[in-house]
Amino acid sequence: MSAPGLRARSGVPTIQSNDPISTPPTPLKSKPSTSTDEDGPTHLSLLDILRMSLGALLLSSTLSYFITGSSLVWNYPGPGWTRWPRVKAYWEGPLNLTDAQLSLYNGTAFPHLPILLALNGTIYDVSASPHTYGPGGGYHFFAGRDATRAFVTGCFEDEEQLVGDLRGVEGMFISEEDEEDGGGKGEGMGERKKRREQEKRLARRKVKEAVEGWRGLFEGGKEGRYFRRGVVWRGEGSGWMGWGEPPELCERAREGRGRRGAGDV
């Protein structure tokens, strides 16, 4: 019996060469694995964390400046770089102004300019206290000028005292009687001269201490919101020498001369 006959009776189908079953399936290529899986957690890199932290810090500083008007850290006491006006002043560089130029920084003539005042030739930015040094403030007369003499004498109402000329101010710390007759009966000429020189020296120290006391306020006042801004330029030479006669002592300073001795240091 032939083979074809057997296959026909058994009912087994004949596999043709073009039957798809005869062709082995092509294996699928696996995709390369990635660090992020749709079904798994997302992994943040260090760079992503730094970017988010920097963005949050920038947003906080921006909001702080627009709300407080000056601070980048919500008025938290900190170093000078946290104060935008001080950072801006650093980039602009120090100012070198004449007395006439300084007068423009009083908050009145040009409101967009900072409020400045000077103490013994050093300029300070006091814009942080517009209600004190700005227009209508109780100490507005200090703004835009060097009024060191008034800072020492306390004569704020006298316009002639609102200058930086300190010549003769030490006289307010020397007893008027001692200045006129030298005091001390029975003193020899040499002893009297020596004593008077010592009194003048102590009086000048008093003036210096008074100036430094005010300087301490402007160097770090308002929790660091006052700061040094530059110097007043008055030409060649030293201080107020050559500017004519200094102002006389104001009435308030003269009244205290008999009760205020240079030895009370």
Protein backbone atom coordinates (compact mmCIF):
# COMPACT_ATOMS: atom_id res chain seq x y z
CA MET A 1 0.00 0.00 0.00
CA SER A 2 1.36 3.38 -0.89
CA ALA A 3 2.16 6.04 1.70
CA PRO A 4 -0.27 8.59 0.25
CA GLY A 5 -3.08 6.18 0.77
CA LEU A 6 -2.22 5.66 4.42
CA ARG A 7 -2.14 9.40 5.09
CA ALA A 8 -5.50 9.86 3.42
CA ARG A 9 -7.15 7.16 5.57
CA SER A 10 -5.68 8.37 8.80
CA GLY A 11 -7.07 11.89 8.32
CA VAL A 12 -3.77 13.56 9.24
CA PRO A 13 -3.47 16.82 7.34
CA THR A 14 -0.58 17.30 5.06
CA ILE A 15 1.79 20.11 6.16
CA GLN A 16 2.66 22.29 3.23
CA SER A 17 5.89 24.21 3.02
CA ASN A 18 4.03 27.51 2.90
CA ASP A 19 2.03 26.82 6.07
CA PRO A 20 2.66 29.60 8.65
CA ILE A 21 3.01 27.04 11.40
CA SER A 22 6.11 25.74 9.75
CA THR A 23 7.80 29.15 10.11
CA PRO A 24 9.33 29.63 13.60
CA PRO A 25 8.27 32.83 15.37
CA THR A 26 10.73 35.72 15.41
CA PRO A 27 11.79 36.53 19.00
CA LEU A 28 10.84 40.02 20.22
CA LYS A 29 13.68 42.33 21.15
CA SER A 30 13.45 43.65 24.69
CA LYS A 31 13.56 47.43 25.19
CA PRO A 32 16.44 48.84 27.22
CA SER A 33 15.53 49.53 30.80
CA THR A 34 15.33 53.14 31.96
CA SER A 35 15.79 54.76 35.34
CA THR A 36 12.12 55.79 35.40
CA ASP A 37 9.40 53.16 35.29
CA GLU A 38 5.77 53.99 34.67
CA ASP A 39 4.73 51.62 37.43
CA GLY A 40 7.62 52.45 39.80
CA PRO A 41 8.78 55.55 41.77
CA THR A 42 10.50 58.48 40.01
CA HIS A 43 14.12 59.01 41.00
CA LEU A 44 15.26 62.69 41.40
CA SER A 45 18.83 63.58 40.61
CA LEU A 46 20.92 65.90 42.74
CA LEU A 47 20.68 68.54 40.02
CA ASP A 48 16.87 68.43 40.16
CA ILE A 49 16.94 68.95 43.92
CA LEU A 50 19.31 71.91 43.59
CA ARG A 51 17.12 73.50 40.93
CA MET A 52 13.98 73.19 43.04
CA SER A 53 15.75 74.55 46.14
CA LEU A 54 17.15 77.53 44.23
CA GLY A 55 13.74 78.28 42.74
CA ALA A 56 12.06 78.20 46.16
CA LEU A 57 14.75 80.47 47.63
CA LEU A 58 14.44 82.94 44.75
CA LEU A 59 10.65 83.03 45.09
CA SER A 60 10.86 83.60 48.85
CA SER A 61 13.42 86.41 48.48
CA THR A 62 11.36 88.11 45.78
CA LEU A 63 8.20 88.04 47.88
CA SER A 64 10.13 89.26 50.93
CA TYR A 65 11.50 92.27 49.06
CA PHE A 66 8.14 93.33 47.63
CA ILE A 67 6.34 92.92 50.97
CA THR A 68 8.96 94.39 53.34
CA GLY A 69 10.36 96.90 50.87
CA SER A 70 14.02 96.24 51.70
CA SER A 71 14.80 92.83 53.17
CA LEU A 72 15.41 89.64 51.20
CA VAL A 73 14.86 87.48 54.30
CA TRP A 74 11.61 88.83 55.75
CA ASN A 75 13.33 91.42 57.98
CA TYR A 76 15.21 88.71 59.84
CA PRO A 77 18.34 90.22 61.42
CA GLY A 78 21.28 89.07 59.41
CA PRO A 79 24.40 90.16 57.52
CA GLY A 80 24.38 93.11 55.17
CA TRP A 81 24.04 91.05 52.01
CA THR A 82 20.49 90.16 53.04
CA ARG A 83 19.46 93.82 52.59
CA TRP A 84 18.77 94.71 48.98
CA PRO A 85 19.59 98.46 49.35
CA ARG A 86 22.99 97.53 50.76
CA VAL A 87 23.62 94.98 47.98
CA LYS A 88 22.64 97.60 45.39
CA ALA A 89 24.92 100.19 47.00
CA TYR A 90 27.79 97.70 46.93
CA TRP A 91 27.46 97.21 43.18
CA GLU A 92 27.09 100.94 42.52
CA GLY A 93 30.22 101.73 44.52
CA PRO A 94 30.86 104.41 47.18
CA LEU A 95 29.60 107.97 46.73
CA ASN A 96 31.90 110.98 46.78
CA LEU A 97 29.65 114.02 47.14
CA THR A 98 30.11 117.69 47.87
CA ASP A 99 27.91 119.35 50.47
CA ALA A 100 25.77 120.81 47.68
CA GLN A 101 25.31 117.40 46.04
CA LEU A 102 24.53 115.78 49.39
CA SER A 103 21.66 118.24 49.90
CA LEU A 104 19.78 116.58 47.03
CA TYR A 105 19.50 113.34 49.02
CA ASN A 106 17.05 114.65 51.63
CA GLY A 107 13.96 112.81 50.41
CA THR A 108 12.31 116.00 49.19
CA ALA A 109 14.04 117.32 46.08
CA PHE A 110 14.26 113.92 44.39
CA PRO A 111 12.10 111.33 46.19
CA HIS A 112 13.52 108.45 44.12
CA LEU A 113 16.98 109.02 45.62
CA PRO A 114 17.98 107.40 48.93
CA ILE A 115 17.86 109.49 52.11
CA LEU A 116 21.41 110.27 53.18
CA LEU A 117 23.06 112.17 56.01
CA ALA A 118 26.68 112.67 56.97
CA LEU A 119 28.53 112.43 60.26
CA ASN A 120 31.99 113.96 60.43
CA GLY A 121 32.42 113.58 56.67
CA THR A 122 31.12 110.00 56.39
CA ILE A 123 27.86 109.53 54.47
CA TYR A 124 25.23 107.09 55.73
CA ASP A 125 22.08 105.73 54.11
CA VAL A 126 19.11 106.13 56.47
CA SER A 127 16.39 105.37 53.92
CA ALA A 128 15.15 102.59 56.21
CA SER A 129 13.55 105.27 58.44
CA PRO A 130 11.63 107.60 56.13
CA HIS A 131 9.26 108.55 58.97
CA THR A 132 12.23 109.79 60.99
CA TYR A 133 14.58 111.34 58.44
CA GLY A 134 12.22 111.80 55.50
CA PRO A 135 9.89 114.75 54.82
CA GLY A 136 7.76 115.44 57.88
CA GLY A 137 9.99 113.33 60.13
CA GLY A 138 11.16 114.51 63.51
CA TYR A 139 14.82 114.53 62.39
CA HIS A 140 14.37 115.52 58.77
CA PHE A 141 16.69 118.49 59.36
CA PHE A 142 19.61 116.02 59.49
CA ALA A 143 18.88 114.62 56.02
CA GLY A 144 20.98 115.78 53.09
CA ARG A 145 23.69 117.42 55.19
CA ASP A 146 26.58 116.94 57.59
CA ALA A 147 25.26 118.22 60.94
CA THR A 148 27.93 116.77 63.21
CA ARG A 149 28.18 119.98 65.25
CA ALA A 150 24.49 119.74 66.20
CA PHE A 151 24.87 116.05 67.03
CA VAL A 152 27.44 117.02 69.66
CA THR A 153 25.94 120.27 70.99
CA GLY A 154 22.28 119.21 70.81
CA CYS A 155 21.36 122.55 69.22
CA PHE A 156 19.04 121.22 66.53
CA GLU A 157 16.92 124.35 66.16
CA ASP A 158 19.85 126.61 65.23
CA GLU A 159 20.52 126.44 61.49
CA GLU A 160 24.11 127.62 61.99
CA GLN A 161 24.80 124.55 64.14
CA LEU A 162 23.61 122.10 61.45
CA VAL A 163 27.08 121.87 59.91
CA GLY A 164 30.01 119.52 60.14
CA ASP A 165 32.41 122.12 61.53
CA LEU A 166 33.58 120.95 64.97
CA ARG A 167 36.07 123.74 65.58
CA GLY A 168 35.60 125.18 69.05
CA VAL A 169 33.01 122.61 70.14
CA GLU A 170 35.35 121.28 72.83
CA GLY A 171 34.72 124.58 74.65
CA MET A 172 31.35 123.25 75.83
CA PHE A 173 33.22 120.73 77.99
CA ILE A 174 35.47 123.33 79.64
CA SER A 175 34.26 125.42 82.55
CA GLU A 176 33.84 129.04 81.48
CA GLU A 177 35.59 130.26 84.63
CA ASP A 178 38.59 128.03 83.98
CA GLU A 179 38.85 129.27 80.42
CA GLU A 180 38.79 132.93 81.44
CA ASP A 181 41.19 133.02 84.39
CA GLY A 182 42.82 129.63 84.32
CA GLY A 183 41.35 128.81 87.74
CA GLY A 184 43.29 127.43 90.64
CA LYS A 185 44.61 130.26 92.79
CA GLY A 186 48.23 130.04 93.72
CA GLU A 187 49.16 128.16 90.55
CA GLY A 188 52.35 129.02 88.80
CA MET A 189 52.38 129.94 85.13
CA GLY A 190 53.75 126.55 84.14
CA GLU A 191 51.25 124.62 86.26
CA ARG A 192 48.34 126.66 84.93
CA LYS A 193 49.39 126.10 81.31
CA LYS A 194 49.82 122.40 81.88
CA ARG A 195 46.42 122.08 83.54
CA ARG A 196 44.63 123.99 80.79
CA GLU A 197 46.25 121.81 78.11
CA GLN A 198 45.07 118.74 79.96
CA GLU A 199 41.52 120.13 80.13
CA LYS A 200 41.50 120.85 76.40
CA ARG A 201 42.79 117.37 75.68
CA LEU A 202 40.05 115.80 77.80
CA ALA A 203 37.45 118.07 76.19
CA ARG A 204 38.50 116.97 72.70
CA ARG A 205 38.19 113.38 73.87
CA LYS A 206 34.65 114.17 74.99
CA VAL A 207 33.81 115.49 71.53
CA LYS A 208 35.28 112.40 69.91
CA GLU A 209 33.29 110.11 72.21
CA ALA A 210 30.09 111.98 71.36
CA VAL A 211 30.74 111.60 67.62
CA GLU A 212 31.61 107.92 67.97
CA GLY A 213 28.44 107.34 69.95
CA TRP A 214 26.36 108.61 67.02
CA ARG A 215 28.54 106.71 64.58
CA GLY A 216 27.70 103.49 66.38
CA LEU A 217 24.03 104.18 65.69
CA PHE A 218 24.46 104.76 61.96
CA GLU A 219 26.94 101.93 61.46
CA GLY A 220 24.46 99.31 62.63
CA GLY A 221 21.21 101.08 63.43
CA LYS A 222 17.78 99.70 62.60
CA GLU A 223 19.16 96.15 62.83
CA GLY A 224 21.73 96.85 60.17
CA ARG A 225 19.49 98.81 57.81
CA TYR A 226 21.62 101.97 58.19
CA PHE A 227 24.96 101.64 56.44
CA ARG A 228 27.95 103.61 55.21
CA ARG A 229 27.54 105.02 51.70
CA GLY A 230 30.56 107.23 50.99
CA VAL A 231 32.33 110.43 52.01
CA VAL A 232 31.80 114.18 51.72
CA TRP A 233 34.40 115.87 49.54
CA ARG A 234 35.36 119.40 50.58
CA GLY A 235 38.40 119.92 48.42
CA GLU A 236 42.03 119.67 49.25
CA GLY A 237 43.10 120.16 52.83
CA SER A 238 41.87 118.87 56.15
CA GLY A 239 38.31 119.26 57.32
CA TRP A 240 36.94 122.77 57.67
CA MET A 241 40.24 124.61 57.90
CA GLY A 242 40.20 127.60 55.58
CA TRP A 243 36.40 127.88 55.59
CA GLY A 244 36.32 131.07 57.60
CA GLU A 245 35.43 131.55 61.24
CA PRO A 246 33.62 128.62 62.93
CA PRO A 247 30.15 129.13 64.39
CA GLU A 248 29.95 130.28 67.98
CA LEU A 249 28.76 127.90 70.67
CA CYS A 250 24.98 127.77 70.75
CA GLU A 251 23.04 128.93 73.80
CA ARG A 252 22.35 125.41 74.99
CA ALA A 253 26.05 124.57 74.92
CA ARG A 254 27.00 127.80 76.70
CA GLU A 255 24.46 127.23 79.45
CA GLY A 256 26.06 123.95 80.42
CA ARG A 257 29.65 125.15 80.49
CA GLY A 258 29.66 126.07 84.15
CA ARG A 259 28.26 122.67 85.14
CA ARG A 260 30.19 120.48 82.71
CA GLY A 261 33.89 120.03 83.30
CA ALA A 262 36.34 118.26 81.02
CA GLY A 263 37.41 116.14 83.96
CA ASP A 264 34.01 114.41 83.95
CA VAL A 265 35.16 111.87 81.37
